[in-house]
Amino acid sequence: MTWLLLKLGIRLLGFMAVFFVAARKNPKIKIEPRWAIPLVAGLFGVMNVGMYWLLEPVLDLATFGAAWFAMPLLINLGFLVATLRITEKKKWLVIDGVRATLWLAFLLTLAHGVFWFGLDWIPAKAG
């Protein structure tokens, strides 16, 4: 249980960093006020960690593993759109344009891959 909470905490901190960097580097991505960054990252992180583990096997089975390289990007894009929809009334996360949305989804997927490799794959191979 402790390892699971630690992995969740690391992922949430990592997603906070991705959202923070993306908002600083791309003027089309705005997270305001600054204190909302942990809330937005937390919302995305909970969806990513919880729902991704549920959706991945189903989608892999549906595509027979043929889209293994695109599936994480599509799933994270869906989670990002859901995060945008949930926060749209408060305007905590505003992304202007499809390119900026895809760019952020790519960064989040890259971070997701790093977390999977470092927190799931390596410990499974070492143990």
Protein backbone atom coordinates (compact mmCIF):
# COMPACT_ATOMS: atom_id res chain seq x y z
CA MET A 1 0.00 0.00 0.00
CA THR A 2 2.86 2.35 0.83
CA TRP A 3 4.49 1.69 -2.57
CA LEU A 4 1.20 2.45 -4.34
CA LEU A 5 0.80 5.78 -2.50
CA LEU A 6 4.43 6.64 -3.23
CA LYS A 7 3.97 5.92 -6.94
CA LEU A 8 0.81 8.03 -6.99
CA GLY A 9 2.60 10.90 -5.24
CA ILE A 10 5.54 10.78 -7.65
CA ARG A 11 3.17 10.80 -10.63
CA LEU A 12 1.18 13.73 -9.24
CA LEU A 13 4.35 15.75 -8.63
CA GLY A 14 5.57 14.88 -12.11
CA PHE A 15 2.30 15.91 -13.76
CA MET A 16 2.38 19.16 -11.75
CA ALA A 17 5.83 19.83 -13.17
CA VAL A 18 4.64 19.11 -16.72
CA PHE A 19 1.64 21.44 -16.39
CA PHE A 20 3.84 24.14 -14.82
CA VAL A 21 6.49 23.92 -17.55
CA ALA A 22 3.89 23.77 -20.31
CA ALA A 23 2.13 26.88 -18.97
CA ARG A 24 5.44 28.75 -18.77
CA LYS A 25 6.76 27.67 -22.19
CA ASN A 26 3.59 27.91 -24.28
CA PRO A 27 1.60 31.17 -24.16
CA LYS A 28 -1.51 29.33 -25.40
CA ILE A 29 -1.66 27.25 -22.22
CA LYS A 30 -2.78 29.18 -19.14
CA ILE A 31 -3.27 27.90 -15.62
CA GLU A 32 -4.55 30.68 -13.41
CA PRO A 33 -4.34 31.30 -10.53
CA ARG A 34 -0.99 29.66 -9.81
CA TRP A 35 -2.38 27.78 -6.82
CA ALA A 36 -4.66 25.90 -9.24
CA ILE A 37 -1.70 24.02 -10.78
CA PRO A 38 -1.78 21.26 -8.11
CA LEU A 39 -5.55 20.96 -8.50
CA VAL A 40 -5.41 20.66 -12.29
CA ALA A 41 -2.47 18.26 -12.14
CA GLY A 42 -4.15 16.27 -9.38
CA LEU A 43 -7.36 15.93 -11.37
CA PHE A 44 -5.45 14.81 -14.45
CA GLY A 45 -3.18 12.56 -12.40
CA VAL A 46 -6.05 10.74 -10.70
CA MET A 47 -7.68 10.10 -14.07
CA ASN A 48 -4.38 9.04 -15.58
CA VAL A 49 -3.43 6.64 -12.81
CA GLY A 50 -6.86 5.24 -12.04
CA MET A 51 -8.67 5.12 -15.33
CA TYR A 52 -5.65 4.40 -17.51
CA TRP A 53 -5.05 1.11 -15.74
CA LEU A 54 -8.70 0.22 -16.40
CA LEU A 55 -8.83 1.36 -20.03
CA GLU A 56 -5.48 0.14 -21.35
CA PRO A 57 -6.20 -3.62 -21.36
CA VAL A 58 -9.62 -3.10 -22.94
CA LEU A 59 -8.26 -0.85 -25.68
CA ASP A 60 -5.28 -3.12 -26.31
CA LEU A 61 -7.64 -6.03 -26.72
CA ALA A 62 -9.93 -4.00 -29.00
CA THR A 63 -7.02 -3.05 -31.28
CA PHE A 64 -5.19 -6.38 -30.85
CA GLY A 65 -2.13 -4.43 -29.70
CA ALA A 66 -1.69 -2.84 -33.14
CA ALA A 67 -1.93 0.70 -31.77
CA TRP A 68 0.30 0.23 -28.72
CA PHE A 69 2.34 3.33 -29.61
CA ALA A 70 -0.68 5.63 -30.13
CA MET A 71 -2.94 4.36 -27.36
CA PRO A 72 -1.28 6.23 -24.45
CA LEU A 73 -1.38 9.48 -26.45
CA LEU A 74 -5.06 9.04 -27.28
CA ILE A 75 -5.97 8.13 -23.72
CA ASN A 76 -4.02 11.06 -22.26
CA LEU A 77 -5.58 13.38 -24.84
CA GLY A 78 -8.99 12.21 -23.65
CA PHE A 79 -8.02 12.79 -20.02
CA LEU A 80 -6.73 16.26 -20.92
CA VAL A 81 -10.00 17.13 -22.67
CA ALA A 82 -11.92 15.83 -19.64
CA THR A 83 -9.74 17.99 -17.36
CA LEU A 84 -10.47 21.00 -19.58
CA ARG A 85 -14.21 20.32 -19.42
CA ILE A 86 -14.23 19.90 -15.64
CA THR A 87 -12.23 23.11 -15.04
CA GLU A 88 -13.86 25.25 -17.76
CA LYS A 89 -16.31 27.05 -15.42
CA LYS A 90 -13.50 28.19 -13.14
CA LYS A 91 -11.14 28.80 -16.11
CA TRP A 92 -8.26 27.26 -14.16
CA LEU A 93 -6.92 25.56 -17.28
CA VAL A 94 -7.33 27.25 -20.65
CA ILE A 95 -5.72 25.92 -23.81
CA ASP A 96 -6.06 27.96 -26.97
CA GLY A 97 -5.92 25.74 -30.03
CA VAL A 98 -5.56 22.16 -31.15
CA ARG A 99 -1.77 22.34 -31.55
CA ALA A 100 -1.27 23.45 -27.96
CA THR A 101 -3.63 20.72 -26.74
CA LEU A 102 -1.76 18.05 -28.73
CA TRP A 103 1.59 19.40 -27.54
CA LEU A 104 0.51 19.21 -23.89
CA ALA A 105 -0.97 15.73 -24.43
CA PHE A 106 2.36 14.64 -25.96
CA LEU A 107 4.30 16.01 -22.95
CA LEU A 108 1.94 14.31 -20.51
CA THR A 109 2.24 11.04 -22.44
CA LEU A 110 6.02 11.32 -22.41
CA ALA A 111 5.93 11.86 -18.63
CA HIS A 112 3.50 8.95 -18.28
CA GLY A 113 5.96 6.74 -20.20
CA VAL A 114 8.86 7.80 -17.98
CA PHE A 115 6.81 7.05 -14.86
CA TRP A 116 5.70 3.68 -16.22
CA PHE A 117 9.29 2.75 -17.06
CA GLY A 118 10.76 3.96 -13.76
CA LEU A 119 7.99 2.98 -11.36
CA ASP A 120 6.39 -0.08 -12.95
CA TRP A 121 8.65 -1.79 -15.47
CA ILE A 122 12.06 -1.56 -13.75
CA PRO A 123 10.79 -2.74 -10.33
CA ALA A 124 8.92 -5.63 -11.98
CA LYS A 125 12.09 -6.74 -13.79
CA ALA A 126 14.30 -6.30 -10.72
CA GLY A 127 11.94 -8.17 -8.37
